[in-house]
Amino acid sequence: MDVESFEPPFRFHVVSSSRGSSGLKHLVDLAENDFVGACTCEHFSMTLIREVRAGKVVRCRHLGVAREHWLQWMLKRVKAELDKQ
Protein backbone atom coordinates (compact mmCIF):
# COMPACT_ATOMS: atom_id res chain seq x y z
CA MET A 1 0.00 0.00 0.00
CA ASP A 2 1.24 3.45 -0.83
CA VAL A 3 1.52 6.03 1.94
CA GLU A 4 1.63 9.80 1.45
CA SER A 5 2.31 12.31 4.17
CA PHE A 6 -0.73 14.55 4.65
CA GLU A 7 -0.13 16.66 7.76
CA PRO A 8 3.16 15.59 9.32
CA PRO A 9 4.01 14.06 11.60
CA PHE A 10 0.93 11.96 12.34
CA ARG A 11 -1.53 12.20 9.42
CA PHE A 12 -1.21 10.21 6.20
CA HIS A 13 -3.14 9.21 3.13
CA VAL A 14 -2.99 5.45 2.57
CA VAL A 15 -4.08 4.06 -0.78
CA SER A 16 -6.82 1.45 -0.47
CA SER A 17 -5.58 -2.08 -1.04
CA SER A 18 -8.89 -3.22 -2.49
CA ARG A 19 -9.88 -0.07 -4.39
CA GLY A 20 -6.55 1.66 -4.92
CA SER A 21 -6.82 1.38 -8.69
CA SER A 22 -9.73 3.83 -8.48
CA GLY A 23 -7.50 6.26 -6.58
CA LEU A 24 -9.26 5.76 -3.24
CA LYS A 25 -7.16 6.95 -0.31
CA HIS A 26 -7.98 6.75 3.37
CA LEU A 27 -6.98 9.44 5.83
CA VAL A 28 -5.11 7.92 8.76
CA ASP A 29 -4.40 9.90 11.91
CA LEU A 30 -1.95 8.12 14.19
CA ALA A 31 -2.51 10.54 17.09
CA GLU A 32 -6.27 10.03 17.39
CA ASN A 33 -7.79 7.94 20.18
CA ASP A 34 -4.78 8.40 22.47
CA PHE A 35 -2.39 7.20 19.73
CA VAL A 36 -4.31 4.05 18.88
CA GLY A 37 -5.15 5.90 15.67
CA ALA A 38 -8.13 6.45 13.40
CA CYS A 39 -8.86 5.76 9.74
CA THR A 40 -11.59 6.83 7.36
CA CYS A 41 -11.99 3.33 5.90
CA GLU A 42 -15.33 1.59 6.31
CA HIS A 43 -13.89 -1.21 8.45
CA PHE A 44 -12.50 1.20 11.03
CA SER A 45 -15.35 3.71 11.04
CA MET A 46 -18.14 1.11 11.08
CA THR A 47 -16.65 -1.66 13.21
CA LEU A 48 -13.34 -1.02 14.90
CA ILE A 49 -14.12 2.42 16.34
CA ARG A 50 -16.54 0.87 18.83
CA GLU A 51 -13.80 -1.42 20.13
CA VAL A 52 -11.31 1.45 20.29
CA ARG A 53 -13.77 3.57 22.27
CA ALA A 54 -14.21 0.62 24.63
CA GLY A 55 -10.47 0.72 25.35
CA LYS A 56 -9.22 -1.98 23.01
CA VAL A 57 -6.19 -1.51 20.77
CA VAL A 58 -7.35 -2.64 17.34
CA ARG A 59 -6.28 -1.34 13.96
CA CYS A 60 -7.24 -1.70 10.33
CA ARG A 61 -4.63 -2.49 7.66
CA HIS A 62 -4.29 1.18 6.76
CA LEU A 63 -3.37 2.11 10.33
CA GLY A 64 -0.80 -0.68 10.40
CA VAL A 65 0.76 0.50 7.15
CA ALA A 66 0.88 4.13 8.30
CA ARG A 67 2.40 3.13 11.64
CA GLU A 68 5.11 1.10 9.92
CA HIS A 69 5.80 4.00 7.53
CA TRP A 70 6.05 6.42 10.45
CA LEU A 71 8.32 4.06 12.41
CA GLN A 72 10.74 3.71 9.50
CA TRP A 73 10.80 7.50 9.04
CA MET A 74 11.42 8.06 12.77
CA LEU A 75 14.18 5.44 12.96
CA LYS A 76 16.01 7.17 10.10
CA ARG A 77 15.67 10.54 11.84
CA VAL A 78 16.97 9.17 15.14
CA LYS A 79 19.91 7.49 13.39
CA ALA A 80 20.76 10.73 11.56
CA GLU A 81 20.73 12.61 14.87
CA LEU A 82 22.93 9.99 16.53
CA ASP A 83 25.35 10.08 13.60
CA LYS A 84 25.79 13.83 14.15
CA GLN A 85 27.07 13.28 17.71
C-alpha atoms as a PDB file:
ATOM      1  CA  MET A   1       0.000   0.000   0.000  1.00  0.00           C
ATOM      2  CA  ASP A   2       1.244   3.454  -0.832  1.00  0.00           C
ATOM      3  CA  VAL A   3       1.524   6.032   1.937  1.00  0.00           C
ATOM      4  CA  GLU A   4       1.627   9.801   1.449  1.00  0.00           C
ATOM      5  CA  SER A   5       2.313  12.314   4.167  1.00  0.00           C
ATOM      6  CA  PHE A   6      -0.733  14.548   4.648  1.00  0.00           C
ATOM      7  CA  GLU A   7      -0.135  16.657   7.762  1.00  0.00           C
ATOM      8  CA  PRO A   8       3.157  15.593   9.318  1.00  0.00           C
ATOM      9  CA  PRO A   9       4.005  14.060  11.600  1.00  0.00           C
ATOM     10  CA  PHE A  10       0.926  11.963  12.339  1.00  0.00           C
ATOM     11  CA  ARG A  11      -1.529  12.199   9.416  1.00  0.00           C
ATOM     12  CA  PHE A  12      -1.212  10.211   6.201  1.00  0.00           C
ATOM     13  CA  HIS A  13      -3.142   9.207   3.130  1.00  0.00           C
ATOM     14  CA  VAL A  14      -2.985   5.447   2.574  1.00  0.00           C
ATOM     15  CA  VAL A  15      -4.076   4.060  -0.781  1.00  0.00           C
ATOM     16  CA  SER A  16      -6.822   1.454  -0.470  1.00  0.00           C
ATOM     17  CA  SER A  17      -5.580  -2.078  -1.042  1.00  0.00           C
ATOM     18  CA  SER A  18      -8.887  -3.216  -2.491  1.00  0.00           C
ATOM     19  CA  ARG A  19      -9.883  -0.065  -4.387  1.00  0.00           C
ATOM     20  CA  GLY A  20      -6.550   1.656  -4.920  1.00  0.00           C
ATOM     21  CA  SER A  21      -6.825   1.381  -8.691  1.00  0.00           C
ATOM     22  CA  SER A  22      -9.729   3.835  -8.482  1.00  0.00           C
ATOM     23  CA  GLY A  23      -7.501   6.259  -6.582  1.00  0.00           C
ATOM     24  CA  LEU A  24      -9.261   5.758  -3.238  1.00  0.00           C
ATOM     25  CA  LYS A  25      -7.162   6.948  -0.315  1.00  0.00           C
ATOM     26  CA  HIS A  26      -7.976   6.746   3.372  1.00  0.00           C
ATOM     27  CA  LEU A  27      -6.976   9.442   5.827  1.00  0.00           C
ATOM     28  CA  VAL A  28      -5.109   7.925   8.755  1.00  0.00           C
ATOM     29  CA  ASP A  29      -4.398   9.904  11.912  1.00  0.00           C
ATOM     30  CA  LEU A  30      -1.952   8.120  14.190  1.00  0.00           C
ATOM     31  CA  ALA A  31      -2.513  10.544  17.093  1.00  0.00           C
ATOM     32  CA  GLU A  32      -6.270  10.028  17.390  1.00  0.00           C
ATOM     33  CA  ASN A  33      -7.787   7.943  20.184  1.00  0.00           C
ATOM     34  CA  ASP A  34      -4.781   8.399  22.465  1.00  0.00           C
ATOM     35  CA  PHE A  35      -2.389   7.200  19.730  1.00  0.00           C
ATOM     36  CA  VAL A  36      -4.308   4.048  18.885  1.00  0.00           C
ATOM     37  CA  GLY A  37      -5.151   5.902  15.670  1.00  0.00           C
ATOM     38  CA  ALA A  38      -8.134   6.445  13.396  1.00  0.00           C
ATOM     39  CA  CYS A  39      -8.860   5.758   9.743  1.00  0.00           C
ATOM     40  CA  THR A  40     -11.587   6.833   7.356  1.00  0.00           C
ATOM     41  CA  CYS A  41     -11.988   3.332   5.897  1.00  0.00           C
ATOM     42  CA  GLU A  42     -15.327   1.587   6.314  1.00  0.00           C
ATOM     43  CA  HIS A  43     -13.891  -1.215   8.453  1.00  0.00           C
ATOM     44  CA  PHE A  44     -12.498   1.195  11.030  1.00  0.00           C
ATOM     45  CA  SER A  45     -15.348   3.707  11.043  1.00  0.00           C
ATOM     46  CA  MET A  46     -18.144   1.113  11.076  1.00  0.00           C
ATOM     47  CA  THR A  47     -16.648  -1.661  13.207  1.00  0.00           C
ATOM     48  CA  LEU A  48     -13.337  -1.018  14.905  1.00  0.00           C
ATOM     49  CA  ILE A  49     -14.116   2.424  16.336  1.00  0.00           C
ATOM     50  CA  ARG A  50     -16.545   0.867  18.832  1.00  0.00           C
ATOM     51  CA  GLU A  51     -13.802  -1.420  20.127  1.00  0.00           C
ATOM     52  CA  VAL A  52     -11.307   1.451  20.289  1.00  0.00           C
ATOM     53  CA  ARG A  53     -13.775   3.566  22.265  1.00  0.00           C
ATOM     54  CA  ALA A  54     -14.205   0.617  24.629  1.00  0.00           C
ATOM     55  CA  GLY A  55     -10.473   0.724  25.350  1.00  0.00           C
ATOM     56  CA  LYS A  56      -9.220  -1.981  23.010  1.00  0.00           C
ATOM     57  CA  VAL A  57      -6.188  -1.514  20.770  1.00  0.00           C
ATOM     58  CA  VAL A  58      -7.354  -2.643  17.335  1.00  0.00           C
ATOM     59  CA  ARG A  59      -6.282  -1.340  13.960  1.00  0.00           C
ATOM     60  CA  CYS A  60      -7.236  -1.704  10.328  1.00  0.00           C
ATOM     61  CA  ARG A  61      -4.630  -2.489   7.655  1.00  0.00           C
ATOM     62  CA  HIS A  62      -4.286   1.183   6.758  1.00  0.00           C
ATOM     63  CA  LEU A  63      -3.374   2.111  10.325  1.00  0.00           C
ATOM     64  CA  GLY A  64      -0.805  -0.677  10.399  1.00  0.00           C
ATOM     65  CA  VAL A  65       0.756   0.496   7.150  1.00  0.00           C
ATOM     66  CA  ALA A  66       0.881   4.125   8.297  1.00  0.00           C
ATOM     67  CA  ARG A  67       2.403   3.135  11.641  1.00  0.00           C
ATOM     68  CA  GLU A  68       5.107   1.101   9.919  1.00  0.00           C
ATOM     69  CA  HIS A  69       5.799   3.996   7.530  1.00  0.00           C
ATOM     70  CA  TRP A  70       6.054   6.422  10.450  1.00  0.00           C
ATOM     71  CA  LEU A  71       8.319   4.063  12.415  1.00  0.00           C
ATOM     72  CA  GLN A  72      10.744   3.713   9.496  1.00  0.00           C
ATOM     73  CA  TRP A  73      10.796   7.500   9.042  1.00  0.00           C
ATOM     74  CA  MET A  74      11.425   8.055  12.765  1.00  0.00           C
ATOM     75  CA  LEU A  75      14.175   5.436  12.963  1.00  0.00           C
ATOM     76  CA  LYS A  76      16.011   7.166  10.101  1.00  0.00           C
ATOM     77  CA  ARG A  77      15.673  10.538  11.837  1.00  0.00           C
ATOM     78  CA  VAL A  78      16.974   9.165  15.137  1.00  0.00           C
ATOM     79  CA  LYS A  79      19.907   7.490  13.391  1.00  0.00           C
ATOM     80  CA  ALA A  80      20.758  10.728  11.560  1.00  0.00           C
ATOM     81  CA  GLU A  81      20.731  12.609  14.871  1.00  0.00           C
ATOM     82  CA  LEU A  82      22.930   9.991  16.533  1.00  0.00           C
ATOM     83  CA  ASP A  83      25.347  10.082  13.605  1.00  0.00           C
ATOM     84  CA  LYS A  84      25.795  13.832  14.151  1.00  0.00           C
ATOM     85  CA  GLN A  85      27.067  13.279  17.706  1.00  0.00           C
END
